[in-house]
Amino acid sequence: MGELCVRSVLVTGANRGIGLGLVQHLLGLPNPPQWVFAGCRDPKGQRAQELQNLASKHPNLVIIPLEVSDPASIKAAAARVEELLGGSGLNILINNAGIAKPSSLDKETLETMTQTYTTNTVGPLLLGQAFLPLLKKAAQGSPGSGLSCSKAAIVNISSIGGSIASASAWEMIQASSYRCSKAALNMLTKCQSLAYKEHGVLCVALHPGWVQTDMGSSAGHTPPVTVDASVTGMLKVLSSLSEKDTGTLLDWEGKVVPW
């Protein structure tokens, strides 16, 4: 299995956790992307300090102001990325930004459900729409037939928590709004794969594992998977994807996760 080799990648929610890990690993590849765009709500804020430090050392890393629940912010980010790419396309859009409210089913509210869906499901929908022209351009400019991440791909960071078949770890964490939003994200991935296949864009949902991040630990349990292990695994999986994988839900080790 080869290393992921692409010219440009955009990662949302890149200032911490899995998003920051993805940026760090992309920059550390033997043949790193010419452009790594790190989407972040508050690029100049304290929570983006680590990202700012990375950007000061890596000229190929550009921090992009991006609030995934705000259509105007998404539109502005797409325009900025297009301007920087200067006529070339975007190879990979990684929809990583997400939120979780670990409340029990009887405590879920309209506000919680709406906020979680807006960030976890609607955000990736709008980002896919906004960046489709750049993804199409990358696909058109890549040699060969078939789909792959080296051409053009939308990668939605999902969760086994959205698997209706497994309802994984229900006894530990109910988080119904999160589960529902990720189940919907899985369906969105399938829809994107069907709609965007003709444009040469591969679409996949990835379960990163239960990862040791602020979000992963928010329910009071220590997750078993480190950020490094998760990200290393996911990038290996992305390097091996082909047309047969579009529209699927896989984990960080490349195993199929039940719908």
Protein backbone atom coordinates (compact mmCIF):
# COMPACT_ATOMS: atom_id res chain seq x y z
CA MET A 1 0.00 0.00 0.00
CA GLY A 2 1.58 3.27 -1.08
CA GLU A 3 1.66 6.64 0.60
CA LEU A 4 -1.06 9.17 -0.13
CA CYS A 5 0.27 11.48 -2.83
CA VAL A 6 -1.84 14.53 -3.69
CA ARG A 7 -1.31 18.16 -4.58
CA SER A 8 -3.94 19.77 -2.35
CA VAL A 9 -6.08 18.89 0.69
CA LEU A 10 -8.56 20.84 2.80
CA VAL A 11 -9.27 19.68 6.36
CA THR A 12 -12.12 21.25 8.36
CA GLY A 13 -12.01 21.51 12.15
CA ALA A 14 -8.22 21.48 11.88
CA ASN A 15 -7.23 23.31 15.06
CA ARG A 16 -7.38 20.30 17.42
CA GLY A 17 -7.97 16.57 17.79
CA ILE A 18 -8.22 14.45 14.64
CA GLY A 19 -8.21 17.52 12.34
CA LEU A 20 -4.92 18.80 13.75
CA GLY A 21 -3.51 15.26 13.59
CA LEU A 22 -4.45 14.99 9.92
CA VAL A 23 -2.72 18.29 9.15
CA GLN A 24 0.43 17.25 11.04
CA HIS A 25 0.62 13.88 9.29
CA LEU A 26 -0.06 15.36 5.84
CA LEU A 27 2.79 17.84 6.37
CA GLY A 28 5.04 14.99 7.51
CA LEU A 29 4.49 12.76 4.45
CA PRO A 30 7.59 11.90 2.37
CA ASN A 31 5.96 13.77 -0.50
CA PRO A 32 3.67 16.28 1.27
CA PRO A 33 0.89 18.14 -0.55
CA GLN A 34 1.83 21.42 -2.17
CA TRP A 35 -1.20 22.91 -0.41
CA VAL A 36 -2.66 21.91 2.97
CA PHE A 37 -5.66 24.10 3.80
CA ALA A 38 -6.63 24.02 7.47
CA GLY A 39 -10.19 25.19 8.10
CA CYS A 40 -10.70 26.69 11.53
CA ARG A 41 -13.40 28.86 13.15
CA ASP A 42 -11.01 31.31 14.83
CA PRO A 43 -7.57 31.18 13.16
CA LYS A 44 -6.11 33.86 15.42
CA GLY A 45 -7.60 32.52 18.67
CA GLN A 46 -5.90 30.68 21.52
CA ARG A 47 -7.38 27.32 20.48
CA ALA A 48 -5.61 27.59 17.13
CA GLN A 49 -2.17 28.26 18.64
CA GLU A 50 -0.72 24.88 17.66
CA LEU A 51 -2.00 25.35 14.10
CA GLN A 52 -0.45 28.84 13.96
CA ASN A 53 2.90 27.40 15.11
CA LEU A 54 2.75 24.76 12.37
CA ALA A 55 1.91 27.38 9.73
CA SER A 56 4.95 29.44 10.74
CA LYS A 57 7.18 26.45 9.93
CA HIS A 58 5.40 25.09 6.85
CA PRO A 59 4.82 27.48 3.94
CA ASN A 60 2.52 24.90 2.27
CA LEU A 61 0.06 25.14 5.21
CA VAL A 62 -2.60 27.83 4.90
CA ILE A 63 -5.12 28.45 7.69
CA ILE A 64 -8.55 29.28 6.27
CA PRO A 65 -11.26 30.95 8.43
CA LEU A 66 -14.19 28.52 8.22
CA GLU A 67 -17.37 28.04 10.25
CA VAL A 68 -19.01 24.95 8.75
CA SER A 69 -22.49 25.90 9.99
CA ASP A 70 -22.36 29.27 8.18
CA PRO A 71 -23.04 29.24 4.40
CA ALA A 72 -21.40 32.66 3.94
CA SER A 73 -18.22 31.44 5.66
CA ILE A 74 -18.16 28.32 3.47
CA LYS A 75 -18.57 30.41 0.31
CA ALA A 76 -15.76 32.75 1.37
CA ALA A 77 -13.48 29.80 2.17
CA ALA A 78 -14.12 28.23 -1.25
CA ALA A 79 -13.32 31.52 -2.97
CA ARG A 80 -10.08 31.90 -0.99
CA VAL A 81 -8.95 28.34 -1.73
CA GLU A 82 -9.76 28.78 -5.43
CA GLU A 83 -7.73 31.99 -5.50
CA LEU A 84 -4.71 30.32 -3.86
CA LEU A 85 -4.85 27.25 -6.11
CA GLY A 86 -4.59 29.55 -9.11
CA GLY A 87 -6.38 27.50 -11.73
CA SER A 88 -5.72 24.00 -10.41
CA GLY A 89 -8.28 21.89 -8.54
CA LEU A 90 -8.64 20.57 -5.00
CA ASN A 91 -7.81 16.87 -4.65
CA ILE A 92 -9.34 16.06 -1.26
CA LEU A 93 -11.98 17.70 0.94
CA ILE A 94 -11.93 16.17 4.43
CA ASN A 95 -15.10 17.05 6.34
CA ASN A 96 -13.77 16.53 9.85
CA ALA A 97 -15.39 19.33 11.89
CA GLY A 98 -18.01 17.92 14.23
CA ILE A 99 -19.68 18.31 17.60
CA ALA A 100 -21.14 15.90 20.14
CA LYS A 101 -23.51 16.48 23.05
CA PRO A 102 -23.36 13.36 25.24
CA SER A 103 -26.85 13.64 26.75
CA SER A 104 -29.44 10.91 27.34
CA LEU A 105 -32.38 10.50 24.96
CA ASP A 106 -34.87 12.13 27.33
CA LYS A 107 -32.64 15.22 27.63
CA GLU A 108 -32.34 15.84 23.87
CA THR A 109 -33.89 19.12 22.70
CA LEU A 110 -34.77 20.81 19.44
CA GLU A 111 -31.77 23.12 19.92
CA THR A 112 -29.32 20.26 20.52
CA MET A 113 -30.57 18.21 17.59
CA THR A 114 -30.59 21.22 15.25
CA GLN A 115 -27.12 22.41 16.25
CA THR A 116 -25.62 18.91 15.94
CA TYR A 117 -27.24 18.20 12.56
CA THR A 118 -26.23 21.61 11.22
CA THR A 119 -22.56 21.05 12.03
CA ASN A 120 -22.24 17.30 11.46
CA THR A 121 -24.52 16.76 8.45
CA VAL A 122 -25.55 20.01 6.79
CA GLY A 123 -22.01 21.42 6.96
CA PRO A 124 -20.52 18.54 4.90
CA LEU A 125 -23.42 18.86 2.43
CA LEU A 126 -22.77 22.58 1.88
CA LEU A 127 -18.99 22.11 1.76
CA GLY A 128 -19.38 19.40 -0.87
CA GLN A 129 -21.51 21.74 -2.96
CA ALA A 130 -19.15 24.71 -2.54
CA PHE A 131 -15.97 22.79 -3.38
CA LEU A 132 -17.40 20.59 -6.14
CA PRO A 133 -16.14 22.89 -8.94
CA LEU A 134 -12.57 22.62 -7.57
CA LEU A 135 -12.89 18.85 -7.04
CA LYS A 136 -14.17 18.44 -10.62
CA LYS A 137 -11.25 20.49 -11.89
CA ALA A 138 -8.79 18.23 -10.03
CA ALA A 139 -10.47 15.10 -11.42
CA GLN A 140 -10.38 16.47 -14.96
CA GLY A 141 -6.70 17.32 -14.61
CA SER A 142 -5.69 13.85 -13.38
CA PRO A 143 -4.58 11.10 -15.74
CA GLY A 144 -6.24 7.69 -15.91
CA SER A 145 -9.78 6.44 -15.48
CA GLY A 146 -11.57 5.32 -12.31
CA LEU A 147 -11.86 7.04 -8.96
CA SER A 148 -9.16 7.60 -6.34
CA CYS A 149 -8.07 10.06 -3.68
CA SER A 150 -5.13 11.06 -5.87
CA LYS A 151 -7.69 12.45 -8.34
CA ALA A 152 -10.56 13.93 -6.32
CA ALA A 153 -12.36 12.85 -3.16
CA ILE A 154 -14.77 13.93 -0.44
CA VAL A 155 -13.92 12.24 2.85
CA ASN A 156 -16.58 12.54 5.55
CA ILE A 157 -15.30 11.75 9.05
CA SER A 158 -18.22 9.77 10.42
CA SER A 159 -18.58 7.31 13.31
CA ILE A 160 -19.62 3.77 14.14
CA GLY A 161 -21.97 5.63 16.51
CA GLY A 162 -24.05 6.35 13.39
CA SER A 163 -24.31 2.66 12.50
CA ILE A 164 -27.94 1.57 12.91
CA ALA A 165 -26.88 -2.09 12.70
CA SER A 166 -24.40 -1.98 15.58
CA ALA A 167 -25.62 0.84 17.89
CA SER A 168 -22.10 0.62 19.31
CA ALA A 169 -21.46 1.52 22.99
CA TRP A 170 -25.07 2.56 23.69
CA GLU A 171 -24.72 1.50 27.35
CA MET A 172 -21.80 3.89 27.81
CA ILE A 173 -22.86 6.85 25.65
CA GLN A 174 -26.35 7.52 24.31
CA ALA A 175 -25.60 10.84 22.54
CA SER A 176 -28.66 10.42 20.32
CA SER A 177 -28.26 13.71 18.47
CA TYR A 178 -24.67 12.76 17.55
CA ARG A 179 -25.68 9.24 16.47
CA CYS A 180 -28.55 10.54 14.34
CA SER A 181 -26.36 13.17 12.69
CA LYS A 182 -23.69 10.60 11.80
CA ALA A 183 -26.27 8.14 10.44
CA ALA A 184 -27.50 11.01 8.25
CA LEU A 185 -23.89 11.83 7.28
CA ASN A 186 -23.45 8.22 6.15
CA MET A 187 -26.51 8.58 3.91
CA LEU A 188 -25.20 11.91 2.63
CA THR A 189 -21.94 10.16 1.69
CA LYS A 190 -23.92 7.59 -0.30
CA CYS A 191 -25.90 10.37 -2.03
CA GLN A 192 -22.70 12.30 -2.83
CA SER A 193 -21.10 9.14 -4.24
CA LEU A 194 -24.03 8.64 -6.62
CA ALA A 195 -24.32 12.30 -7.64
CA TYR A 196 -20.61 13.08 -8.01
CA LYS A 197 -19.35 9.85 -9.59
CA GLU A 198 -19.93 11.28 -13.07
CA HIS A 199 -17.60 14.16 -12.13
CA GLY A 200 -14.80 11.78 -11.12
CA VAL A 201 -15.14 12.43 -7.38
CA LEU A 202 -14.79 9.51 -4.95
CA CYS A 203 -16.89 9.88 -1.77
CA VAL A 204 -16.29 7.87 1.39
CA ALA A 205 -17.25 7.97 5.08
CA LEU A 206 -14.54 7.04 7.60
CA HIS A 207 -14.93 5.93 11.21
CA PRO A 208 -11.69 7.13 12.85
CA GLY A 209 -12.04 4.85 15.87
CA TRP A 210 -12.87 5.96 19.38
CA VAL A 211 -10.04 8.46 19.62
CA GLN A 212 -8.29 10.16 22.53
CA THR A 213 -9.48 13.72 21.84
CA ASP A 214 -11.45 16.30 23.83
CA MET A 215 -14.61 15.09 22.09
CA GLY A 216 -13.75 11.41 22.43
CA SER A 217 -13.18 11.76 26.16
CA SER A 218 -16.18 14.01 26.82
CA ALA A 219 -18.38 11.21 28.17
CA GLY A 220 -15.92 10.41 30.96
CA HIS A 221 -14.26 7.31 29.43
CA THR A 222 -10.72 7.01 28.08
CA PRO A 223 -10.85 6.05 24.39
CA PRO A 224 -8.56 3.20 23.23
CA VAL A 225 -7.20 4.78 20.01
CA THR A 226 -4.57 7.54 19.87
CA VAL A 227 -4.82 10.40 17.38
CA ASP A 228 -1.57 9.21 15.76
CA ALA A 229 -2.83 5.65 15.26
CA SER A 230 -6.17 6.84 13.90
CA VAL A 231 -4.72 9.36 11.47
CA THR A 232 -1.92 7.08 10.27
CA GLY A 233 -4.51 4.40 9.58
CA MET A 234 -6.96 6.71 7.81
CA LEU A 235 -4.29 8.13 5.49
CA LYS A 236 -3.24 4.57 4.58
CA VAL A 237 -6.86 3.70 3.83
CA LEU A 238 -7.26 6.82 1.66
CA SER A 239 -4.16 5.91 -0.35
CA SER A 240 -5.69 2.53 -1.26
CA LEU A 241 -9.27 3.53 -2.16
CA SER A 242 -10.63 2.91 -5.64
CA GLU A 243 -13.93 3.09 -7.52
CA LYS A 244 -15.33 0.04 -5.66
CA ASP A 245 -15.06 1.94 -2.35
CA THR A 246 -17.05 5.04 -3.26
CA GLY A 247 -20.19 5.41 -1.14
CA THR A 248 -18.97 3.07 1.61
CA LEU A 249 -18.38 3.43 5.38
CA LEU A 250 -14.95 2.15 6.43
CA ASP A 251 -12.96 2.36 9.65
CA TRP A 252 -9.40 3.61 10.16
CA GLU A 253 -8.08 0.10 9.47
CA GLY A 254 -9.97 -0.21 6.19
CA LYS A 255 -12.65 -2.58 7.49
CA VAL A 256 -16.25 -2.12 6.33
CA VAL A 257 -18.51 -0.73 9.07
CA PRO A 258 -22.15 -1.96 8.95
CA TRP A 259 -24.75 0.65 8.03
